[in-house]
């Protein structure tokens, strides 16, 4: 489980991910993200795959549905790469 909460003067961010280990050491599970600032809110709900490893890099991917306080909604895709030195 990953839970991250950050507060600034005018913005806040919350991320939550939970996963079950699958074949090959991959973790799969739900994710929730919230971003907010004065007058604007953005929420994402989806599924993630974490711990895809290749040499010195670790990959993470997610897809789901996003909605904001302006009434817009759409699917989203996230790809993250972490490199170690």
N, C-alpha and C. Protein backbone atom coordinates (compact mmCIF):
# COMPACT_ATOMS: atom_id res chain seq x y z
N UNK A 1 0.84 -1.17 0.00
CA UNK A 1 0.00 0.00 0.00
C UNK A 1 0.89 1.24 0.00
N UNK A 2 0.56 2.20 -0.82
CA UNK A 2 1.25 3.48 -0.87
C UNK A 2 0.22 4.55 -0.55
N UNK A 3 0.50 5.36 0.45
CA UNK A 3 -0.37 6.48 0.78
C UNK A 3 0.51 7.70 0.93
N UNK A 4 0.27 8.72 0.13
CA UNK A 4 1.10 9.92 0.13
C UNK A 4 0.17 11.11 0.19
N UNK A 5 0.40 11.99 1.15
CA UNK A 5 -0.41 13.19 1.27
C UNK A 5 0.51 14.38 1.44
N UNK A 6 0.30 15.41 0.62
CA UNK A 6 1.13 16.61 0.67
C UNK A 6 0.23 17.83 0.76
N UNK A 7 0.65 18.78 1.57
CA UNK A 7 -0.11 20.02 1.71
C UNK A 7 0.81 21.19 1.38
N UNK A 8 0.32 22.13 0.63
CA UNK A 8 1.01 23.37 0.36
C UNK A 8 0.08 24.51 0.74
N UNK A 9 0.52 25.73 0.53
CA UNK A 9 -0.33 26.86 0.86
C UNK A 9 -1.62 26.85 0.06
N UNK A 10 -1.53 26.51 -1.22
CA UNK A 10 -2.71 26.59 -2.07
C UNK A 10 -3.03 25.28 -2.78
N UNK A 11 -2.33 24.20 -2.46
CA UNK A 11 -2.62 22.95 -3.16
C UNK A 11 -2.42 21.76 -2.23
N UNK A 12 -3.10 20.67 -2.57
CA UNK A 12 -2.92 19.42 -1.84
C UNK A 12 -2.99 18.25 -2.81
N UNK A 13 -2.35 17.16 -2.42
CA UNK A 13 -2.27 15.98 -3.27
C UNK A 13 -2.35 14.74 -2.39
N UNK A 14 -3.18 13.79 -2.78
CA UNK A 14 -3.29 12.51 -2.08
C UNK A 14 -3.19 11.41 -3.12
N UNK A 15 -2.36 10.40 -2.85
CA UNK A 15 -2.25 9.23 -3.72
C UNK A 15 -2.38 7.98 -2.86
N UNK A 16 -3.13 7.01 -3.37
CA UNK A 16 -3.30 5.75 -2.67
C UNK A 16 -3.21 4.62 -3.69
N UNK A 17 -2.36 3.65 -3.42
CA UNK A 17 -2.26 2.46 -4.26
C UNK A 17 -2.15 1.23 -3.37
N UNK A 18 -2.80 0.18 -3.78
CA UNK A 18 -2.70 -1.09 -3.08
C UNK A 18 -2.56 -2.17 -4.13
N UNK A 19 -1.77 -3.20 -3.85
CA UNK A 19 -1.59 -4.22 -4.88
C UNK A 19 -1.34 -5.60 -4.32
N UNK A 20 -1.66 -6.58 -5.11
CA UNK A 20 -1.39 -7.98 -4.83
C UNK A 20 -0.28 -8.44 -5.75
N UNK A 21 0.66 -9.22 -5.21
CA UNK A 21 1.75 -9.72 -6.04
C UNK A 21 1.23 -10.79 -6.99
N UNK A 22 1.58 -10.64 -8.25
CA UNK A 22 1.16 -11.57 -9.30
C UNK A 22 2.40 -12.30 -9.82
N UNK A 23 2.25 -13.02 -10.89
CA UNK A 23 3.37 -13.74 -11.50
C UNK A 23 4.50 -12.80 -11.86
N UNK A 24 5.72 -13.22 -11.66
CA UNK A 24 6.88 -12.44 -12.03
C UNK A 24 7.18 -11.27 -11.11
N UNK A 25 6.56 -11.21 -9.94
CA UNK A 25 6.83 -10.14 -8.99
C UNK A 25 6.13 -8.82 -9.29
N UNK A 26 5.18 -8.83 -10.22
CA UNK A 26 4.41 -7.62 -10.52
C UNK A 26 3.32 -7.44 -9.47
N UNK A 27 3.04 -6.19 -9.14
CA UNK A 27 1.95 -5.88 -8.23
C UNK A 27 0.84 -5.21 -9.02
N UNK A 28 -0.39 -5.69 -8.84
CA UNK A 28 -1.55 -5.17 -9.56
C UNK A 28 -2.62 -4.82 -8.54
N UNK A 29 -3.25 -3.66 -8.71
CA UNK A 29 -4.30 -3.28 -7.79
C UNK A 29 -4.89 -1.92 -8.11
N UNK A 30 -5.80 -1.45 -7.25
CA UNK A 30 -6.46 -0.17 -7.48
C UNK A 30 -5.56 1.01 -7.10
N UNK A 31 -5.86 2.16 -7.70
CA UNK A 31 -5.18 3.40 -7.31
C UNK A 31 -6.19 4.53 -7.31
N UNK A 32 -5.94 5.50 -6.43
CA UNK A 32 -6.76 6.71 -6.33
C UNK A 32 -5.81 7.89 -6.20
N UNK A 33 -6.06 8.95 -6.95
CA UNK A 33 -5.26 10.17 -6.87
C UNK A 33 -6.19 11.37 -6.78
N UNK A 34 -5.81 12.33 -5.95
CA UNK A 34 -6.56 13.57 -5.80
C UNK A 34 -5.58 14.73 -5.83
N UNK A 35 -5.86 15.71 -6.66
CA UNK A 35 -5.06 16.93 -6.74
C UNK A 35 -6.02 18.10 -6.54
N UNK A 36 -5.68 19.02 -5.66
CA UNK A 36 -6.56 20.16 -5.44
C UNK A 36 -5.78 21.44 -5.22
N UNK A 37 -6.36 22.54 -5.65
CA UNK A 37 -5.81 23.87 -5.38
C UNK A 37 -7.01 24.81 -5.28
N UNK A 38 -6.75 26.07 -5.01
CA UNK A 38 -7.86 27.03 -4.88
C UNK A 38 -8.75 27.01 -6.11
N UNK A 39 -9.98 26.58 -5.95
CA UNK A 39 -10.95 26.61 -7.04
C UNK A 39 -10.87 25.47 -8.03
N UNK A 40 -10.00 24.49 -7.82
CA UNK A 40 -9.88 23.38 -8.79
C UNK A 40 -9.62 22.07 -8.05
N UNK A 41 -10.29 21.00 -8.48
CA UNK A 41 -10.10 19.66 -7.93
C UNK A 41 -10.01 18.66 -9.08
N UNK A 42 -9.16 17.66 -8.94
CA UNK A 42 -8.97 16.63 -9.97
C UNK A 42 -8.87 15.28 -9.27
N UNK A 43 -9.68 14.30 -9.69
CA UNK A 43 -9.68 12.97 -9.10
C UNK A 43 -9.47 11.92 -10.18
N UNK A 44 -8.70 10.87 -9.81
CA UNK A 44 -8.48 9.74 -10.71
C UNK A 44 -8.74 8.45 -9.95
N UNK A 45 -9.38 7.50 -10.62
CA UNK A 45 -9.62 6.18 -10.06
C UNK A 45 -9.28 5.16 -11.15
N UNK A 46 -8.38 4.22 -10.82
CA UNK A 46 -7.97 3.28 -11.85
C UNK A 46 -7.28 2.05 -11.29
N UNK A 47 -6.56 1.37 -12.15
CA UNK A 47 -5.82 0.16 -11.80
C UNK A 47 -4.36 0.37 -12.21
N UNK A 48 -3.44 -0.16 -11.40
CA UNK A 48 -2.02 0.03 -11.69
C UNK A 48 -1.29 -1.32 -11.74
N UNK A 49 -0.17 -1.31 -12.44
CA UNK A 49 0.78 -2.43 -12.48
C UNK A 49 2.12 -1.83 -12.10
N UNK A 50 2.75 -2.37 -11.05
CA UNK A 50 3.99 -1.81 -10.51
C UNK A 50 5.06 -2.88 -10.42
N UNK A 51 6.31 -2.47 -10.42
CA UNK A 51 7.49 -3.32 -10.25
C UNK A 51 7.85 -4.11 -11.50
N UNK A 52 7.63 -3.53 -12.66
CA UNK A 52 8.13 -4.13 -13.88
C UNK A 52 9.59 -3.71 -13.97
N UNK A 53 10.52 -4.64 -13.84
CA UNK A 53 11.94 -4.30 -13.77
C UNK A 53 12.69 -4.74 -15.02
N UNK A 54 13.61 -3.88 -15.44
CA UNK A 54 14.48 -4.16 -16.58
C UNK A 54 15.83 -3.51 -16.30
N UNK A 55 16.82 -4.29 -15.97
CA UNK A 55 18.17 -3.81 -15.64
C UNK A 55 18.10 -2.77 -14.52
N UNK A 56 18.45 -1.50 -14.79
CA UNK A 56 18.47 -0.46 -13.76
C UNK A 56 17.19 0.37 -13.71
N UNK A 57 16.16 -0.05 -14.41
CA UNK A 57 14.91 0.72 -14.46
C UNK A 57 13.75 -0.09 -13.88
N UNK A 58 12.84 0.62 -13.24
CA UNK A 58 11.60 0.02 -12.75
C UNK A 58 10.44 0.82 -13.34
N UNK A 59 9.48 0.12 -13.94
CA UNK A 59 8.38 0.74 -14.65
C UNK A 59 7.09 0.58 -13.86
N UNK A 60 6.20 1.53 -14.01
CA UNK A 60 4.88 1.46 -13.42
C UNK A 60 3.90 2.02 -14.45
N UNK A 61 2.73 1.42 -14.54
CA UNK A 61 1.72 1.90 -15.49
C UNK A 61 0.35 1.85 -14.82
N UNK A 62 -0.53 2.73 -15.27
CA UNK A 62 -1.89 2.75 -14.73
C UNK A 62 -2.84 3.28 -15.80
N UNK A 63 -4.11 2.92 -15.63
CA UNK A 63 -5.16 3.42 -16.51
C UNK A 63 -6.44 3.49 -15.71
N UNK A 64 -7.29 4.43 -16.06
CA UNK A 64 -8.55 4.56 -15.35
C UNK A 64 -9.37 5.72 -15.84
N UNK A 65 -10.14 6.32 -14.91
CA UNK A 65 -11.06 7.39 -15.24
C UNK A 65 -10.72 8.62 -14.40
N UNK A 66 -10.70 9.79 -15.03
CA UNK A 66 -10.39 11.06 -14.34
C UNK A 66 -11.58 12.01 -14.47
N UNK A 67 -11.77 12.81 -13.42
CA UNK A 67 -12.83 13.83 -13.41
C UNK A 67 -12.31 15.05 -12.67
N UNK A 68 -12.70 16.24 -13.13
CA UNK A 68 -12.27 17.46 -12.44
C UNK A 68 -13.47 18.30 -12.01
N UNK A 69 -13.18 19.36 -11.25
CA UNK A 69 -14.24 20.19 -10.70
C UNK A 69 -14.92 21.06 -11.76
N UNK A 70 -14.37 21.13 -12.96
CA UNK A 70 -15.00 21.87 -14.06
C UNK A 70 -16.02 21.00 -14.80
N UNK A 71 -16.21 19.76 -14.35
CA UNK A 71 -17.17 18.86 -14.96
C UNK A 71 -16.64 18.04 -16.11
N UNK A 72 -15.33 18.14 -16.39
CA UNK A 72 -14.73 17.35 -17.46
C UNK A 72 -14.38 15.97 -16.93
N UNK A 73 -14.52 14.96 -17.78
CA UNK A 73 -14.17 13.58 -17.42
C UNK A 73 -13.61 12.88 -18.64
N UNK A 74 -12.63 11.98 -18.41
CA UNK A 74 -12.04 11.24 -19.52
C UNK A 74 -11.20 10.10 -18.98
N UNK A 75 -10.86 9.13 -19.84
CA UNK A 75 -9.92 8.09 -19.43
C UNK A 75 -8.52 8.69 -19.29
N UNK A 76 -7.68 8.05 -18.47
CA UNK A 76 -6.28 8.48 -18.36
C UNK A 76 -5.36 7.27 -18.41
N UNK A 77 -4.11 7.54 -18.80
CA UNK A 77 -3.05 6.54 -18.81
C UNK A 77 -1.83 7.18 -18.17
N UNK A 78 -1.16 6.46 -17.28
CA UNK A 78 0.05 6.96 -16.62
C UNK A 78 1.17 5.95 -16.80
N UNK A 79 2.36 6.41 -17.17
CA UNK A 79 3.55 5.57 -17.29
C UNK A 79 4.68 6.25 -16.53
N UNK A 80 5.29 5.54 -15.60
CA UNK A 80 6.40 6.08 -14.80
C UNK A 80 7.61 5.18 -14.94
N UNK A 81 8.79 5.80 -14.99
CA UNK A 81 10.06 5.06 -15.07
C UNK A 81 10.98 5.59 -13.99
N UNK A 82 11.50 4.70 -13.16
CA UNK A 82 12.44 5.03 -12.11
C UNK A 82 13.77 4.39 -12.44
N UNK A 83 14.84 5.17 -12.48
CA UNK A 83 16.16 4.59 -12.76
C UNK A 83 17.03 4.68 -11.51
N UNK A 84 17.87 3.67 -11.33
CA UNK A 84 18.78 3.62 -10.20
C UNK A 84 20.20 3.85 -10.70
N UNK A 85 21.01 4.52 -9.92
CA UNK A 85 22.39 4.78 -10.29
C UNK A 85 23.32 4.23 -9.25
